[in-house]
Protein backbone atom coordinates (compact mmCIF):
# COMPACT_ATOMS: atom_id res chain seq x y z
CA MET A 1 -6.27 9.55 -47.72
CA THR A 2 -4.59 11.69 -44.37
CA ASP A 3 -7.67 13.12 -43.15
CA LEU A 4 -6.66 16.94 -42.71
CA TYR A 5 -9.28 18.04 -40.63
CA GLY A 6 -9.11 15.37 -37.86
CA ALA A 7 -4.58 16.28 -37.59
CA LEU A 8 -5.69 19.86 -36.89
CA GLY A 9 -8.56 18.73 -34.40
CA VAL A 10 -11.46 20.40 -35.97
CA GLY A 11 -14.64 20.00 -37.96
CA ARG A 12 -15.30 19.89 -41.95
CA ASP A 13 -17.40 23.18 -41.66
CA ALA A 14 -13.93 25.28 -39.51
CA SER A 15 -14.44 28.78 -40.19
CA PRO A 16 -11.05 29.93 -41.50
CA GLU A 17 -9.82 31.28 -37.82
CA GLU A 18 -10.60 28.40 -35.92
CA ILE A 19 -8.17 26.91 -38.18
CA GLU A 20 -5.45 29.31 -37.20
CA GLU A 21 -6.58 28.72 -33.61
CA ALA A 22 -6.58 24.96 -33.36
CA TYR A 23 -2.95 24.89 -35.88
CA ARG A 24 -1.41 27.86 -33.43
CA ARG A 25 -2.58 25.71 -29.99
CA LEU A 26 -0.90 22.31 -32.02
CA ALA A 27 2.32 24.38 -32.26
CA ARG A 28 2.63 26.30 -29.15
CA ASP A 29 2.53 22.24 -27.32
CA PRO A 30 5.52 19.95 -28.88
CA ASP A 31 4.08 17.18 -26.69
CA ARG A 32 1.60 17.21 -28.69
CA PHE A 33 2.97 15.55 -31.59
CA ALA A 34 5.35 13.88 -28.83
CA ASP A 35 5.43 9.36 -29.10
CA LEU A 36 6.36 6.80 -27.52
CA ASP A 37 10.39 4.98 -28.66
CA ASP A 38 11.28 1.56 -28.59
CA SER A 39 13.01 2.90 -24.95
CA GLY A 40 9.71 4.13 -24.10
CA ARG A 41 11.26 7.97 -23.21
CA MET A 42 9.04 10.72 -25.05
CA SER A 43 10.70 12.23 -28.71
CA LEU A 44 8.95 14.52 -30.24
CA SER A 45 7.44 12.72 -34.16
CA ALA A 46 8.73 14.84 -37.13
CA LEU A 47 6.49 12.84 -39.06
CA ARG A 48 3.13 14.15 -36.52
CA ALA A 49 4.61 17.41 -36.47
CA ALA A 50 4.57 17.54 -40.65
CA GLN A 51 1.49 16.35 -40.99
CA VAL A 52 0.11 19.05 -38.70
CA ARG A 53 2.03 21.75 -40.65
CA HIS A 54 0.40 20.26 -44.26
CA ALA A 55 -3.00 20.49 -42.98
CA TYR A 56 -2.56 23.98 -41.83
CA ASP A 57 -1.15 24.46 -45.17
CA VAL A 58 -4.24 23.32 -47.28
CA LEU A 59 -6.59 24.08 -45.51
CA SER A 60 -6.40 27.97 -44.96
CA ASP A 61 -5.71 28.69 -48.37
CA PRO A 62 -9.38 28.64 -49.54
CA VAL A 63 -8.18 26.97 -53.11
CA ARG A 64 -6.36 24.43 -51.98
CA ARG A 65 -9.23 23.93 -49.13
CA ALA A 66 -11.99 23.45 -51.55
CA ASP A 67 -10.10 20.77 -53.35
CA TYR A 68 -9.60 19.07 -50.88
CA ASP A 69 -13.14 19.35 -49.55
CA ALA A 70 -13.98 18.13 -53.85
CA SER A 71 -12.11 15.38 -52.99
CA LEU A 72 -13.38 14.22 -49.86
CA ARG A 73 -17.25 14.40 -51.14
CA GLU A 74 -15.94 12.17 -53.87
CA THR A 75 -14.82 9.59 -51.59
CA ASP A 76 -17.49 9.73 -49.74
CA SER A 77 -19.99 9.10 -52.46
CA ARG A 78 -18.18 6.05 -52.79
CA VAL A 79 -18.65 4.71 -49.99
CA VAL A 80 -22.12 5.31 -49.80
CA GLY A 81 -22.89 3.74 -53.18
CA ALA A 82 -20.90 0.93 -51.88
CA LEU A 83 -22.57 0.07 -48.29
CA PRO A 84 -26.23 -0.77 -47.32
CA PRO A 85 -27.48 2.36 -45.98
CA ARG A 86 -28.27 2.52 -42.08
CA ARG A 87 -32.13 2.43 -41.10
CA TYR A 88 -33.02 3.42 -38.16
CA SER A 89 -37.18 2.72 -37.25
CA ARG A 90 -38.66 5.09 -35.40
CA ASN A 91 -41.34 2.11 -34.29
CA PRO A 92 -40.01 1.32 -30.64
CA ILE A 93 -41.15 -1.62 -30.79
CA ASP A 94 -38.64 -2.78 -33.56
CA ARG A 95 -36.12 -1.46 -31.38
CA LEU A 96 -37.02 -3.32 -28.23
CA THR A 97 -36.76 -6.66 -30.08
CA ALA A 98 -34.18 -5.41 -32.66
CA GLY A 99 -31.76 -8.40 -30.94
CA MET A 100 -35.01 -11.49 -30.84
CA PRO A 101 -35.27 -14.04 -33.67
CA ARG A 102 -36.98 -12.70 -36.90
CA GLY A 103 -40.42 -14.87 -36.43
CA TRP A 104 -40.27 -13.97 -33.01
CA ARG A 105 -40.38 -9.91 -34.24
CA ILE A 106 -42.88 -10.58 -36.55
CA ALA A 107 -45.80 -12.58 -33.81
CA ILE A 108 -45.03 -8.98 -31.16
CA ASP A 109 -45.30 -6.23 -34.20
CA TRP A 110 -48.72 -8.36 -34.88
CA ALA A 111 -49.40 -9.34 -31.30
CA VAL A 112 -49.16 -5.08 -30.77
CA THR A 113 -50.96 -4.23 -33.81
CA ILE A 114 -54.00 -6.02 -33.10
CA ILE A 115 -53.50 -5.40 -29.22
CA GLY A 116 -54.09 -1.85 -30.21
CA ALA A 117 -56.39 -1.75 -32.62
CA VAL A 118 -58.60 -3.46 -30.37
CA ALA A 119 -58.23 -1.25 -28.03
CA ILE A 120 -58.65 1.86 -30.03
CA VAL A 121 -62.17 0.13 -31.03
CA LEU A 122 -63.09 -0.53 -27.43
CA ALA A 123 -61.94 3.32 -26.29
CA ILE A 124 -64.00 5.06 -29.32
CA LYS A 125 -67.33 2.55 -28.09
CA ALA A 126 -66.59 3.55 -24.47
CA TRP A 127 -66.24 7.39 -25.13
CA VAL A 128 -67.10 8.82 -28.69
CA VAL A 129 -68.63 6.32 -30.76
CA ASN A 130 -70.98 3.38 -30.63
CA PRO A 131 -73.31 1.78 -32.92
CA TYR A 132 -77.17 0.12 -32.18
CA ARG A 133 -79.64 -1.44 -34.02
CA ILE A 134 -82.96 -0.95 -34.13
CA PRO A 135 -85.05 -4.14 -33.02
CA SER A 136 -88.07 -2.73 -32.69
CA SER A 137 -91.26 -0.36 -34.83
CA SER A 138 -91.40 1.94 -31.49
CA MET A 139 -89.22 4.53 -33.29
CA GLU A 140 -91.64 4.09 -37.38
CA PRO A 141 -91.59 5.93 -39.48
CA THR A 142 -88.22 7.96 -37.66
CA LEU A 143 -86.19 4.65 -37.20
CA HIS A 144 -87.15 1.71 -39.46
CA CYS A 145 -87.21 -1.76 -37.81
CA ALA A 146 -86.77 -4.77 -39.56
CA ARG A 147 -89.98 -7.50 -41.09
CA PRO A 148 -91.44 -9.21 -40.83
CA GLY A 149 -91.16 -7.75 -36.71
CA SER A 150 -94.40 -6.16 -35.49
CA GLY A 151 -94.83 -2.90 -37.19
CA CYS A 152 -91.77 -2.78 -39.34
CA LEU A 153 -91.65 -1.32 -42.59
CA ALA A 154 -87.93 -1.36 -43.88
CA ARG A 155 -86.50 -4.87 -45.13
CA PHE A 156 -83.40 -4.12 -43.20
CA SER A 157 -83.24 -2.46 -39.47
CA ASP A 158 -81.55 0.49 -39.50
CA ARG A 159 -78.02 0.94 -37.55
CA VAL A 160 -77.79 4.19 -35.66
CA LEU A 161 -74.23 5.91 -34.34
CA ALA A 162 -74.74 7.54 -31.06
CA ASN A 163 -72.86 10.20 -30.05
CA ARG A 164 -71.57 9.55 -26.26
CA PHE A 165 -70.10 12.63 -25.49
CA ILE A 166 -71.87 15.02 -26.13
CA TYR A 167 -73.89 15.37 -23.00
CA HIS A 168 -70.27 15.44 -21.38
CA PHE A 169 -71.08 19.55 -22.75
CA ARG A 170 -74.45 20.28 -22.67
CA SER A 171 -77.72 18.94 -21.25
CA PRO A 172 -80.49 16.94 -22.91
CA HIS A 173 -82.71 19.12 -25.71
CA ARG A 174 -86.25 17.69 -25.75
CA GLY A 175 -86.68 16.38 -29.12
CA ASP A 176 -83.44 14.07 -29.29
CA ILE A 177 -83.43 10.73 -30.01
CA ILE A 178 -81.20 9.27 -27.11
CA VAL A 179 -79.45 5.63 -26.78
CA PHE A 180 -80.25 4.79 -22.96
CA LYS A 181 -79.89 2.11 -20.88
CA THR A 182 -83.60 1.29 -18.93
CA PRO A 183 -85.15 0.71 -15.60
CA PRO A 184 -85.54 -2.28 -14.13
CA ALA A 185 -89.23 -1.94 -14.63
CA ALA A 186 -89.01 -1.96 -18.26
CA GLU A 187 -87.92 -5.88 -18.23
CA GLN A 188 -91.85 -6.21 -16.53
CA LYS A 189 -93.82 -3.84 -18.32
CA CYS A 190 -92.21 -4.34 -21.87
CA GLY A 191 -90.97 -8.29 -21.68
CA ALA A 192 -87.20 -6.15 -23.17
CA GLY A 193 -85.05 -4.46 -21.14
CA GLY A 194 -81.12 -3.21 -22.05
CA THR A 195 -80.98 -0.54 -23.81
CA PHE A 196 -83.11 1.32 -25.74
CA VAL A 197 -83.88 4.04 -29.11
CA LYS A 198 -86.29 6.68 -27.89
CA ARG A 199 -87.51 10.30 -28.54
CA LEU A 200 -87.03 12.41 -24.99
CA ILE A 201 -90.02 14.16 -24.27
CA GLY A 202 -90.50 15.40 -20.85
CA LEU A 203 -87.15 17.14 -19.00
CA PRO A 204 -86.68 17.44 -15.08
CA GLY A 205 -89.04 18.92 -13.51
CA GLU A 206 -91.55 18.86 -15.99
CA THR A 207 -94.64 17.38 -16.21
CA VAL A 208 -96.04 15.21 -18.63
CA SER A 209 -99.94 14.71 -19.62
CA GLU A 210 -101.72 13.20 -22.59
CA LYS A 211 -105.12 13.10 -23.62
CA ASN A 212 -106.57 10.90 -26.43
CA GLY A 213 -102.98 10.59 -27.73
CA ILE A 214 -102.50 14.63 -27.36
CA ILE A 215 -99.20 14.99 -25.50
CA TYR A 216 -99.02 18.56 -23.08
CA ILE A 217 -96.09 19.66 -20.66
CA ASN A 218 -96.95 21.91 -18.09
CA GLY A 219 -99.91 22.27 -19.89
CA ARG A 220 -98.85 23.55 -23.11
CA ARG A 221 -99.34 21.37 -25.97
CA LEU A 222 -96.36 19.92 -27.51
CA ILE A 223 -96.03 19.85 -31.23
CA GLU A 224 -94.87 16.71 -32.58
CA SER A 225 -93.78 16.62 -36.59
CA TYR A 226 -92.56 13.23 -35.77
CA VAL A 227 -95.36 11.20 -35.20
CA GLN A 228 -98.04 10.44 -37.79
CA PRO A 229 -101.67 10.89 -37.14
CA SER A 230 -101.96 7.32 -37.64
CA ARG A 231 -99.33 5.71 -35.00
CA ARG A 232 -101.50 7.88 -31.94
CA ASP A 233 -103.21 5.83 -29.52
CA SER A 234 -106.11 7.15 -27.54
CA GLN A 235 -104.61 7.08 -23.80
CA PHE A 236 -104.67 9.58 -21.10
CA GLY A 237 -101.78 10.18 -18.32
CA THR A 238 -100.61 12.68 -16.34
CA TRP A 239 -96.73 11.99 -15.56
CA HIS A 240 -94.61 14.16 -13.01
CA VAL A 241 -91.10 13.69 -13.96
CA PRO A 242 -88.30 14.09 -11.00
CA LYS A 243 -85.05 15.97 -10.48
CA GLY A 244 -82.47 14.42 -13.09
CA GLN A 245 -84.33 12.33 -15.14
CA TYR A 246 -86.25 12.10 -18.29
CA PHE A 247 -89.32 11.02 -20.03
CA PHE A 248 -88.76 8.87 -22.80
CA MET A 249 -92.01 7.82 -25.45
CA GLY A 250 -91.55 6.43 -29.48
CA ASP A 251 -92.62 8.03 -32.47
CA ASN A 252 -94.95 5.11 -33.02
CA ARG A 253 -96.87 5.80 -29.68
CA ILE A 254 -99.10 2.69 -30.07
CA GLN A 255 -96.28 0.36 -30.66
CA SER A 256 -94.28 1.98 -28.18
CA CYS A 257 -93.62 0.53 -24.66
CA ASP A 258 -91.87 3.79 -23.33
CA SER A 259 -92.32 5.81 -20.14
CA ARG A 260 -95.57 5.76 -19.66
CA GLU A 261 -95.43 2.02 -18.31
CA TRP A 262 -92.42 2.21 -16.49
CA GLY A 263 -91.42 5.99 -15.53
CA SER A 264 -88.81 8.23 -16.13
CA VAL A 265 -84.83 7.44 -16.77
CA PRO A 266 -82.37 8.92 -14.82
CA ARG A 267 -79.03 10.80 -16.51
CA SER A 268 -77.37 8.52 -15.32
CA ASN A 269 -78.27 5.86 -17.86
CA ILE A 270 -77.79 8.23 -20.83
CA ILE A 271 -75.74 7.01 -23.06
CA GLY A 272 -75.74 9.62 -25.85
CA GLU A 273 -77.11 11.00 -28.85
CA VAL A 274 -78.05 9.33 -31.96
CA PHE A 275 -76.49 11.70 -34.74
CA ALA A 276 -76.63 9.22 -38.42
CA ILE A 277 -77.68 6.30 -39.52
CA TYR A 278 -74.83 4.51 -41.24
CA TRP A 279 -76.84 0.96 -42.51
CA PRO A 280 -78.48 -0.31 -44.86
CA PRO A 281 -77.07 2.62 -48.00
CA ASN A 282 -80.43 3.93 -48.69
CA ARG A 283 -80.70 5.53 -45.39
CA ILE A 284 -76.92 6.66 -44.51
CA GLY A 285 -77.69 10.16 -43.31
CA PHE A 286 -77.17 12.69 -40.78
CA ARG A 287 -80.20 13.39 -37.96
């Protein structure tokens, strides 16, 4: 079938005015109909001129144009049904590896997927949320550790999530349960170091004192509903919290090696606030 739109050089959505203009433009320039004859000289092609005239007659008549468009749609549908659709992938890896053997393409796709997943997990752990396990009874009964550990109440240790970005938007608050890196003295005094989970008690510049197990901040008693009376100790002491540092204690005072033993923690050592328990199932919840 002759492409009447192509004969006039217009698209299928051309308006009647555009069709009229295209025909007049071709009619004014007969050289557009010219072909080379056997001698190499330019001569007017009657066939080409007839095609242009026929195209104009059909496309300028609304009824005939509608019939012609219908025949084009029918032809298009048959062609589309006969040929498999071309699929264009939006995946840049597919486009980059299009010319490679199928085995290589599959291997590269899997490698990129695995590397991407690992990168996302590492990014989340580094900047958003990080999981921790409670290894000791220093925060009992708020956070459980697993028996047969000394003072532990549960069969399984609590697994907690720490919000690593919260303290980029606000300062730590007294009473927050916080994950932090211990100062070097912690390993010497407690026999363990690295990462601890404790409750924030003293803020920068404050004076923390303990009298027979009761905590005072700048001389005023601190109300601590999270400490059970049976878990208080009978210590006495006074500690000044330097600027830019924080004073931490466990809720289980009789079994907590904390800032009373190894001093305050610099702000840069704070990792994040514990906001949820995600294991074991019966302990799942937000704090």
